[in-house]
Amino acid sequence: MLQKLSQPAAAQAAYQRAIGLSEDAAIREFLLMRALAVQGNQASE
């Protein structure tokens, strides 16, 4: 949602926090992929 609101830095921080709090490896992997996508979108702007 933060990414869609043009707040990629906040989105990245939220993903990193969620990754750190998650105990489920599959969820961490999903969140990591989403965080990398946000990071990639930041680089292209």
N, C-alpha and C. Protein backbone atom coordinates (compact mmCIF):
# COMPACT_ATOMS: atom_id res chain seq x y z
N MET A 1 0.82 -1.18 0.00
CA MET A 1 0.00 0.00 0.00
C MET A 1 0.87 1.26 0.00
N LEU A 2 1.92 1.25 0.81
CA LEU A 2 2.80 2.42 0.85
C LEU A 2 3.46 2.65 -0.50
N GLN A 3 3.80 1.57 -1.18
CA GLN A 3 4.41 1.71 -2.50
C GLN A 3 3.43 2.36 -3.47
N LYS A 4 2.17 1.97 -3.41
CA LYS A 4 1.16 2.54 -4.29
C LYS A 4 0.89 4.00 -3.95
N LEU A 5 1.18 4.40 -2.72
CA LEU A 5 1.01 5.79 -2.30
C LEU A 5 2.26 6.62 -2.56
N SER A 6 3.15 6.10 -3.39
CA SER A 6 4.41 6.77 -3.74
C SER A 6 5.28 7.03 -2.52
N GLN A 7 5.35 6.04 -1.65
CA GLN A 7 6.21 6.11 -0.47
C GLN A 7 7.09 4.85 -0.41
N PRO A 8 7.95 4.69 -1.42
CA PRO A 8 8.74 3.45 -1.49
C PRO A 8 9.70 3.27 -0.31
N ALA A 9 10.24 4.33 0.24
CA ALA A 9 11.15 4.19 1.37
C ALA A 9 10.41 3.64 2.59
N ALA A 10 9.19 4.13 2.81
CA ALA A 10 8.38 3.64 3.92
C ALA A 10 7.97 2.19 3.67
N ALA A 11 7.65 1.86 2.42
CA ALA A 11 7.29 0.49 2.08
C ALA A 11 8.47 -0.44 2.33
N GLN A 12 9.64 -0.04 1.91
CA GLN A 12 10.85 -0.85 2.11
C GLN A 12 11.09 -1.08 3.60
N ALA A 13 10.96 -0.04 4.41
CA ALA A 13 11.15 -0.17 5.85
C ALA A 13 10.12 -1.11 6.46
N ALA A 14 8.88 -1.02 6.02
CA ALA A 14 7.83 -1.90 6.53
C ALA A 14 8.10 -3.35 6.16
N TYR A 15 8.54 -3.59 4.93
CA TYR A 15 8.87 -4.96 4.53
C TYR A 15 10.03 -5.50 5.37
N GLN A 16 11.05 -4.70 5.58
CA GLN A 16 12.20 -5.14 6.36
C GLN A 16 11.79 -5.48 7.80
N ARG A 17 10.92 -4.67 8.38
CA ARG A 17 10.43 -4.95 9.74
C ARG A 17 9.64 -6.25 9.75
N ALA A 18 8.76 -6.43 8.78
CA ALA A 18 7.95 -7.64 8.71
C ALA A 18 8.82 -8.87 8.52
N ILE A 19 9.85 -8.76 7.69
CA ILE A 19 10.78 -9.88 7.48
C ILE A 19 11.44 -10.26 8.81
N GLY A 20 11.85 -9.26 9.56
CA GLY A 20 12.49 -9.52 10.85
C GLY A 20 11.57 -10.14 11.88
N LEU A 21 10.30 -9.85 11.79
CA LEU A 21 9.34 -10.37 12.77
C LEU A 21 8.78 -11.73 12.39
N SER A 22 8.86 -12.09 11.13
CA SER A 22 8.25 -13.33 10.65
C SER A 22 9.05 -14.55 11.08
N GLU A 23 8.34 -15.57 11.56
CA GLU A 23 8.98 -16.83 11.93
C GLU A 23 8.81 -17.88 10.83
N ASP A 24 7.94 -17.63 9.88
CA ASP A 24 7.65 -18.58 8.80
C ASP A 24 8.57 -18.29 7.61
N ALA A 25 9.35 -19.27 7.21
CA ALA A 25 10.32 -19.08 6.13
C ALA A 25 9.64 -18.72 4.81
N ALA A 26 8.49 -19.32 4.53
CA ALA A 26 7.79 -19.03 3.27
C ALA A 26 7.30 -17.59 3.24
N ILE A 27 6.83 -17.11 4.36
CA ILE A 27 6.37 -15.72 4.43
C ILE A 27 7.55 -14.77 4.32
N ARG A 28 8.66 -15.10 4.98
CA ARG A 28 9.87 -14.27 4.86
C ARG A 28 10.33 -14.19 3.41
N GLU A 29 10.30 -15.31 2.71
CA GLU A 29 10.71 -15.33 1.31
C GLU A 29 9.78 -14.45 0.46
N PHE A 30 8.48 -14.55 0.69
CA PHE A 30 7.51 -13.72 -0.02
C PHE A 30 7.78 -12.24 0.25
N LEU A 31 7.96 -11.89 1.51
CA LEU A 31 8.22 -10.50 1.87
C LEU A 31 9.54 -10.00 1.28
N LEU A 32 10.53 -10.86 1.25
CA LEU A 32 11.82 -10.49 0.66
C LEU A 32 11.67 -10.19 -0.82
N MET A 33 10.91 -11.01 -1.53
CA MET A 33 10.67 -10.78 -2.96
C MET A 33 9.94 -9.45 -3.16
N ARG A 34 8.97 -9.15 -2.33
CA ARG A 34 8.24 -7.88 -2.43
C ARG A 34 9.18 -6.71 -2.12
N ALA A 35 10.04 -6.86 -1.12
CA ALA A 35 10.99 -5.81 -0.76
C ALA A 35 11.96 -5.55 -1.91
N LEU A 36 12.41 -6.62 -2.55
CA LEU A 36 13.32 -6.47 -3.69
C LEU A 36 12.61 -5.78 -4.85
N ALA A 37 11.33 -6.06 -5.05
CA ALA A 37 10.57 -5.41 -6.11
C ALA A 37 10.46 -3.91 -5.84
N VAL A 38 10.22 -3.54 -4.59
CA VAL A 38 10.14 -2.12 -4.23
C VAL A 38 11.49 -1.46 -4.49
N GLN A 39 12.55 -2.15 -4.07
CA GLN A 39 13.91 -1.62 -4.26
C GLN A 39 14.19 -1.44 -5.75
N GLY A 40 13.80 -2.39 -6.55
CA GLY A 40 14.00 -2.30 -8.01
C GLY A 40 13.23 -1.15 -8.61
N ASN A 41 12.02 -0.93 -8.12
CA ASN A 41 11.22 0.18 -8.62
C ASN A 41 11.81 1.52 -8.24
N GLN A 42 12.43 1.58 -7.06
CA GLN A 42 13.08 2.82 -6.63
C GLN A 42 14.25 3.16 -7.56
N ALA A 43 14.99 2.15 -7.96
CA ALA A 43 16.17 2.37 -8.80
C ALA A 43 15.78 2.86 -10.20
N SER A 44 14.61 2.47 -10.67
CA SER A 44 14.20 2.85 -12.01
C SER A 44 13.55 4.23 -12.06
N GLU A 45 13.30 4.82 -10.92
CA GLU A 45 12.66 6.16 -10.91
C GLU A 45 13.67 7.27 -10.96
